[in-house]
Amino acid sequence: MARGVDKRRRWVWIAAVVALVLLALGVWGARAFLGTETGQEFVEKYPGYAPMPESAPVGIPAWLNWSHFFNMFLMVLIIRTGMQIRTERRPEAYWRPKKGGRKISLTLWFHQVLDILWVVNGLVFGVLLFVTGQWMRIVPTSWGVFPNAVSAGLQYLSLNWPTENGWVHYNGLQQLAYFITVFVAAPLAILSGVRMSSFWPANSARWNKVFPAQAARAMHFPVMIYFVVFIVIHVGLVLATGALRNLNHMYAAQGSTDPSEYAGNWTGLIIFLVSLAVVAAAWVAARPATLAPLARRFGEVTAR
């Protein structure tokens, strides 16, 4: 056992060293290319901005701020409970529906409740996204997004980061990342999650053949890893590319076509810190002793 653990640690260290070497080579290559005449002409032609229709809205509305907060709140707890489900050997409590049915762990019940709320928030977000025209900010409407995404990626890699104003538009790389997250990763998470949940008709041989549980499990965990990686990079760039300005956009619905106007405003940061406190409180409170009274409203909670 100890030898196996040591071997895994060794491979983790080797992978980390290889990743750092590749990153260093990437930084060197990007800086070398952008230092050439060809590289400079490429960035001049494709500065990195995601091309958008003239009718695209400017600014981030308050409803999107609230949706962003609920998404963060739910996603943190969903990832936490998802990892608990994978590692839980002896659940402290179980839940069964009032009308009878399969018994599941209280952790899985809470995970599914969070999933339902996340889907509802996503549906409201999707409807408002298209009704208000905000979809134009995250859905590519021109093939020009791809060379601009490459340009933005090279600028990030060269450590000379692009300085787009998120209140007006995102860069090409951001737009593609948001599009993939909202319209590809989220639906895959929902589809695979429903297949593994207690809502799936387990006795339906036809549907089980169309979408086997093994395929759902093979899909669900990598999608979760994608969300974790996206969140880490997303938060890191928000804080590293003008934290006060970016947090004002996403938490206080404050911004301007002049990126310096809210660069020193602390409102967004204060709201962000309060939201972190709310998430932390929910993290601490989400224990069997706290969840059991709520779960009993919808079914039976037992110790086995």
Protein backbone atom coordinates (compact mmCIF):
# COMPACT_ATOMS: atom_id res chain seq x y z
CA MET A 1 0.00 0.00 0.00
CA ALA A 2 2.72 2.47 1.04
CA ARG A 3 4.74 1.59 -2.05
CA GLY A 4 1.72 2.29 -4.26
CA VAL A 5 1.16 5.68 -2.61
CA ASP A 6 4.83 6.61 -3.05
CA LYS A 7 4.66 5.61 -6.70
CA ARG A 8 1.61 7.80 -7.29
CA ARG A 9 3.29 10.73 -5.55
CA ARG A 10 6.37 10.26 -7.71
CA TRP A 11 4.27 10.37 -10.86
CA VAL A 12 2.46 13.47 -9.60
CA TRP A 13 5.79 15.22 -9.09
CA ILE A 14 7.03 14.10 -12.51
CA ALA A 15 3.83 15.38 -14.14
CA ALA A 16 4.15 18.71 -12.30
CA VAL A 17 7.77 19.15 -13.42
CA VAL A 18 6.91 18.28 -17.03
CA ALA A 19 3.99 20.74 -16.94
CA LEU A 20 6.24 23.52 -15.64
CA VAL A 21 8.85 22.82 -18.32
CA LEU A 22 6.19 22.86 -21.05
CA LEU A 23 4.74 26.08 -19.63
CA ALA A 24 8.18 27.72 -19.60
CA LEU A 25 8.76 26.63 -23.21
CA GLY A 26 5.33 27.97 -24.14
CA VAL A 27 6.07 31.35 -22.55
CA TRP A 28 9.42 31.51 -24.33
CA GLY A 29 7.86 30.52 -27.67
CA ALA A 30 4.99 33.01 -27.38
CA ARG A 31 7.30 35.88 -26.45
CA ALA A 32 9.68 34.97 -29.27
CA PHE A 33 6.87 34.85 -31.84
CA LEU A 34 5.22 38.09 -30.70
CA GLY A 35 8.63 39.75 -30.86
CA THR A 36 8.86 39.06 -34.59
CA GLU A 37 7.36 41.22 -37.32
CA THR A 38 4.95 38.41 -38.21
CA GLY A 39 3.77 38.14 -34.61
CA GLN A 40 3.28 41.88 -34.27
CA GLU A 41 1.30 42.01 -37.52
CA PHE A 42 -0.86 39.10 -36.35
CA VAL A 43 -1.74 40.83 -33.06
CA GLU A 44 -2.37 44.10 -34.88
CA LYS A 45 -4.77 42.35 -37.26
CA TYR A 46 -6.35 40.24 -34.51
CA PRO A 47 -6.03 42.16 -31.22
CA GLY A 48 -7.94 39.47 -29.32
CA TYR A 49 -11.36 41.09 -28.99
CA ALA A 50 -14.32 38.83 -29.73
CA PRO A 51 -16.18 40.36 -32.70
CA MET A 52 -19.84 41.04 -31.84
CA PRO A 53 -22.92 42.40 -33.66
CA GLU A 54 -23.52 46.15 -33.50
CA SER A 55 -26.74 45.48 -31.57
CA ALA A 56 -24.87 43.68 -28.77
CA PRO A 57 -25.71 45.18 -25.35
CA VAL A 58 -23.10 47.04 -23.35
CA GLY A 59 -22.84 46.32 -19.64
CA ILE A 60 -23.81 43.54 -17.26
CA PRO A 61 -27.34 43.76 -15.75
CA ALA A 62 -28.19 43.09 -12.10
CA TRP A 63 -30.09 39.89 -12.90
CA LEU A 64 -26.88 38.42 -14.31
CA ASN A 65 -25.05 39.38 -11.11
CA TRP A 66 -27.60 37.46 -9.05
CA SER A 67 -27.52 34.47 -11.39
CA HIS A 68 -23.72 34.46 -11.23
CA PHE A 69 -23.82 34.42 -7.43
CA PHE A 70 -26.37 31.59 -7.26
CA ASN A 71 -24.33 29.63 -9.78
CA MET A 72 -21.18 30.06 -7.68
CA PHE A 73 -23.02 29.18 -4.45
CA LEU A 74 -24.59 26.04 -5.89
CA MET A 75 -21.55 24.91 -7.88
CA VAL A 76 -19.27 24.96 -4.84
CA LEU A 77 -21.69 22.76 -2.89
CA ILE A 78 -22.37 20.51 -5.89
CA ILE A 79 -18.66 19.84 -6.39
CA ARG A 80 -18.20 19.26 -2.65
CA THR A 81 -21.08 16.79 -2.36
CA GLY A 82 -20.03 15.12 -5.61
CA MET A 83 -16.59 14.41 -4.19
CA GLN A 84 -18.17 13.20 -0.94
CA ILE A 85 -20.32 10.74 -2.88
CA ARG A 86 -17.24 9.34 -4.62
CA THR A 87 -15.32 8.85 -1.36
CA GLU A 88 -18.14 8.05 1.08
CA ARG A 89 -17.99 4.45 2.32
CA ARG A 90 -20.44 4.46 5.24
CA PRO A 91 -22.99 7.28 4.94
CA GLU A 92 -24.16 8.72 8.25
CA ALA A 93 -27.78 8.82 7.10
CA TYR A 94 -30.08 7.67 4.31
CA TRP A 95 -33.18 9.13 2.67
CA ARG A 96 -36.20 7.43 1.12
CA PRO A 97 -39.14 9.16 -0.67
CA LYS A 98 -42.46 9.34 1.21
CA LYS A 99 -44.18 7.31 -1.50
CA GLY A 100 -41.51 4.64 -1.30
CA GLY A 101 -38.66 3.93 -3.65
CA ARG A 102 -34.94 3.41 -3.64
CA LYS A 103 -33.06 4.44 -0.51
CA ILE A 104 -30.13 6.78 -1.15
CA SER A 105 -27.55 8.43 1.09
CA LEU A 106 -28.40 11.81 2.56
CA THR A 107 -25.35 13.20 0.74
CA LEU A 108 -26.73 12.02 -2.61
CA TRP A 109 -30.15 13.47 -1.76
CA PHE A 110 -28.58 16.86 -1.00
CA HIS A 111 -26.49 16.65 -4.18
CA GLN A 112 -29.64 16.07 -6.24
CA VAL A 113 -31.48 18.94 -4.53
CA LEU A 114 -28.57 21.24 -5.36
CA ASP A 115 -28.59 19.95 -8.94
CA ILE A 116 -32.28 20.78 -9.34
CA LEU A 117 -31.74 24.31 -8.03
CA TRP A 118 -28.72 24.69 -10.34
CA VAL A 119 -30.79 23.61 -13.35
CA VAL A 120 -33.59 26.04 -12.42
CA ASN A 121 -31.07 28.86 -12.09
CA GLY A 122 -29.59 27.85 -15.45
CA LEU A 123 -32.98 27.85 -17.16
CA VAL A 124 -33.79 31.33 -15.83
CA PHE A 125 -30.32 32.47 -16.90
CA GLY A 126 -30.80 31.00 -20.38
CA VAL A 127 -34.19 32.62 -20.93
CA LEU A 128 -33.00 36.05 -19.78
CA LEU A 129 -29.78 35.63 -21.77
CA PHE A 130 -31.70 35.41 -25.05
CA VAL A 131 -34.53 37.80 -24.13
CA THR A 132 -32.11 40.62 -23.23
CA GLY A 133 -29.59 40.01 -26.01
CA GLN A 134 -26.82 39.18 -23.56
CA TRP A 135 -26.26 35.95 -25.52
CA MET A 136 -24.30 37.98 -28.08
CA ARG A 137 -21.56 38.48 -25.50
CA ILE A 138 -20.84 34.75 -25.09
CA VAL A 139 -22.01 33.15 -28.35
CA PRO A 140 -19.56 33.47 -31.28
CA THR A 141 -21.23 35.24 -34.21
CA SER A 142 -18.19 35.44 -36.48
CA TRP A 143 -15.38 33.11 -37.55
CA GLY A 144 -13.08 35.94 -36.50
CA VAL A 145 -13.41 34.75 -32.91
CA PHE A 146 -10.92 31.94 -33.58
CA PRO A 147 -7.87 33.96 -34.71
CA ASN A 148 -8.69 36.49 -31.99
CA ALA A 149 -8.80 33.65 -29.44
CA VAL A 150 -5.37 32.50 -30.65
CA SER A 151 -4.11 36.08 -30.31
CA ALA A 152 -5.48 36.38 -26.77
CA GLY A 153 -3.95 33.02 -25.87
CA LEU A 154 -0.54 34.09 -27.17
CA GLN A 155 -0.78 37.33 -25.19
CA TYR A 156 -1.65 35.42 -22.00
CA LEU A 157 1.15 32.95 -22.62
CA SER A 158 3.67 35.72 -23.26
CA LEU A 159 2.70 37.22 -19.85
CA ASN A 160 1.72 40.44 -21.65
CA TRP A 161 -1.95 39.90 -20.91
CA PRO A 162 -4.76 41.42 -23.00
CA THR A 163 -6.52 44.34 -21.32
CA GLU A 164 -10.06 44.02 -22.67
CA ASN A 165 -12.94 45.81 -20.95
CA GLY A 166 -15.34 43.06 -19.87
CA TRP A 167 -18.11 45.62 -19.46
CA VAL A 168 -18.10 46.12 -23.23
CA HIS A 169 -16.87 42.78 -24.62
CA TYR A 170 -14.78 39.72 -23.82
CA ASN A 171 -11.71 38.57 -25.69
CA GLY A 172 -12.03 35.68 -28.11
CA LEU A 173 -10.63 33.10 -25.70
CA GLN A 174 -13.06 34.16 -22.96
CA GLN A 175 -16.02 34.04 -25.32
CA LEU A 176 -15.19 30.51 -26.47
CA ALA A 177 -14.63 29.38 -22.87
CA TYR A 178 -17.96 30.84 -21.70
CA PHE A 179 -19.76 29.35 -24.70
CA ILE A 180 -18.34 25.87 -24.05
CA THR A 181 -19.13 26.13 -20.33
CA VAL A 182 -22.74 27.26 -20.78
CA PHE A 183 -23.80 25.38 -23.91
CA VAL A 184 -21.63 22.24 -23.86
CA ALA A 185 -20.30 21.41 -20.36
CA ALA A 186 -23.49 22.34 -18.47
CA PRO A 187 -25.83 20.24 -20.67
CA LEU A 188 -23.41 17.29 -20.46
CA ALA A 189 -23.34 17.61 -16.66
CA ILE A 190 -27.15 17.67 -16.54
CA LEU A 191 -27.59 14.76 -18.96
CA SER A 192 -25.09 12.49 -17.21
CA GLY A 193 -26.34 13.60 -13.78
CA VAL A 194 -29.95 12.71 -14.59
CA ARG A 195 -28.82 9.29 -15.83
CA MET A 196 -27.09 8.54 -12.53
CA SER A 197 -29.82 10.05 -10.34
CA SER A 198 -32.84 8.46 -8.69
CA PHE A 199 -35.04 10.24 -11.26
CA TRP A 200 -33.90 7.91 -14.04
CA PRO A 201 -36.33 5.04 -14.87
CA ALA A 202 -34.00 2.28 -13.68
CA ASN A 203 -36.33 -0.52 -14.88
CA SER A 204 -36.51 0.76 -18.46
CA ALA A 205 -34.33 -1.61 -20.48
CA ARG A 206 -34.75 0.53 -23.58
CA TRP A 207 -33.48 3.76 -22.04
CA ASN A 208 -30.75 1.97 -20.12
CA LYS A 209 -29.50 0.56 -23.41
CA VAL A 210 -29.62 3.95 -25.12
CA PHE A 211 -27.65 5.62 -22.32
CA PRO A 212 -25.81 3.10 -20.09
CA ALA A 213 -24.89 4.11 -16.55
CA GLN A 214 -21.25 3.37 -17.29
CA ALA A 215 -21.24 5.95 -20.09
CA ALA A 216 -22.82 8.53 -17.77
CA ARG A 217 -20.20 7.93 -15.09
CA ALA A 218 -17.42 8.18 -17.68
CA MET A 219 -18.85 11.54 -18.73
CA HIS A 220 -19.85 13.07 -15.40
CA PHE A 221 -16.52 13.10 -13.55
CA PRO A 222 -14.43 14.63 -16.40
CA VAL A 223 -17.08 17.33 -16.80
CA MET A 224 -16.74 18.11 -13.09
CA ILE A 225 -12.96 18.34 -13.52
CA TYR A 226 -13.54 20.75 -16.42
CA PHE A 227 -15.69 22.96 -14.18
CA VAL A 228 -13.04 22.93 -11.44
CA VAL A 229 -10.28 23.90 -13.89
CA PHE A 230 -12.50 26.58 -15.45
CA ILE A 231 -13.35 28.06 -12.04
CA VAL A 232 -9.70 28.17 -10.93
CA ILE A 233 -8.56 29.87 -14.15
CA HIS A 234 -11.60 32.16 -14.23
CA VAL A 235 -11.17 33.39 -10.65
CA GLY A 236 -7.41 33.73 -11.10
CA LEU A 237 -7.77 35.93 -14.19
CA VAL A 238 -10.54 38.01 -12.59
CA LEU A 239 -8.24 38.83 -9.68
CA ALA A 240 -5.11 39.28 -11.79
CA THR A 241 -6.50 41.52 -14.54
CA GLY A 242 -8.06 44.34 -12.52
CA ALA A 243 -9.80 42.77 -9.54
CA LEU A 244 -11.79 45.82 -8.41
CA ARG A 245 -13.03 46.64 -11.91
CA ASN A 246 -13.93 43.03 -12.74
CA LEU A 247 -15.68 42.41 -9.42
CA ASN A 248 -17.70 45.59 -9.91
CA HIS A 249 -18.89 44.20 -13.24
CA MET A 250 -19.94 40.81 -11.89
CA TYR A 251 -21.18 41.67 -8.40
CA ALA A 252 -22.30 45.29 -8.43
CA ALA A 253 -23.46 45.79 -12.06
CA GLN A 254 -21.14 48.80 -12.23
CA GLY A 255 -18.94 49.59 -15.18
CA SER A 256 -18.20 51.98 -18.01
CA THR A 257 -16.83 52.07 -21.53
CA ASP A 258 -13.90 53.81 -19.82
CA PRO A 259 -12.15 50.91 -18.03
CA SER A 260 -10.47 53.24 -15.54
CA GLU A 261 -13.74 54.72 -14.21
CA TYR A 262 -14.46 51.95 -11.68
CA ALA A 263 -10.89 50.71 -11.30
CA GLY A 264 -10.74 52.05 -7.72
CA ASN A 265 -14.31 51.30 -6.63
CA TRP A 266 -14.54 48.76 -3.78
CA THR A 267 -18.28 47.99 -3.98
CA GLY A 268 -17.88 44.82 -6.02
CA LEU A 269 -15.10 43.52 -3.78
CA ILE A 270 -17.20 44.04 -0.64
CA ILE A 271 -20.16 42.18 -2.18
CA PHE A 272 -17.79 39.43 -3.34
CA LEU A 273 -16.39 38.98 0.17
CA VAL A 274 -19.91 38.84 1.62
CA SER A 275 -20.83 36.20 -0.97
CA LEU A 276 -17.76 34.15 0.02
CA ALA A 277 -18.89 34.34 3.66
CA VAL A 278 -22.34 33.05 2.64
CA VAL A 279 -20.78 30.16 0.70
CA ALA A 280 -18.47 29.34 3.62
CA ALA A 281 -21.41 29.35 6.05
CA ALA A 282 -23.36 26.99 3.78
CA TRP A 283 -20.29 24.74 3.50
CA VAL A 284 -20.06 24.46 7.29
CA ALA A 285 -23.82 24.08 7.78
CA ALA A 286 -24.22 21.34 5.16
CA ARG A 287 -23.93 18.44 7.61
CA PRO A 288 -26.24 15.47 8.26
CA ALA A 289 -27.52 16.97 11.54
CA THR A 290 -28.55 20.12 9.67
CA LEU A 291 -29.80 18.47 6.49
CA ALA A 292 -31.86 15.72 8.15
CA PRO A 293 -34.74 17.99 9.37
CA LEU A 294 -35.06 19.45 5.86
CA ALA A 295 -34.87 16.03 4.20
CA ARG A 296 -37.64 14.69 6.48
CA ARG A 297 -40.07 17.15 4.89
CA PHE A 298 -39.77 15.19 1.66
CA GLY A 299 -39.17 11.65 2.86
CA GLU A 300 -37.87 9.36 5.56
CA VAL A 301 -34.39 9.76 7.04
CA THR A 302 -32.77 6.77 8.71
CA ALA A 303 -29.36 5.81 10.03
CA ARG A 304 -29.22 2.70 7.82
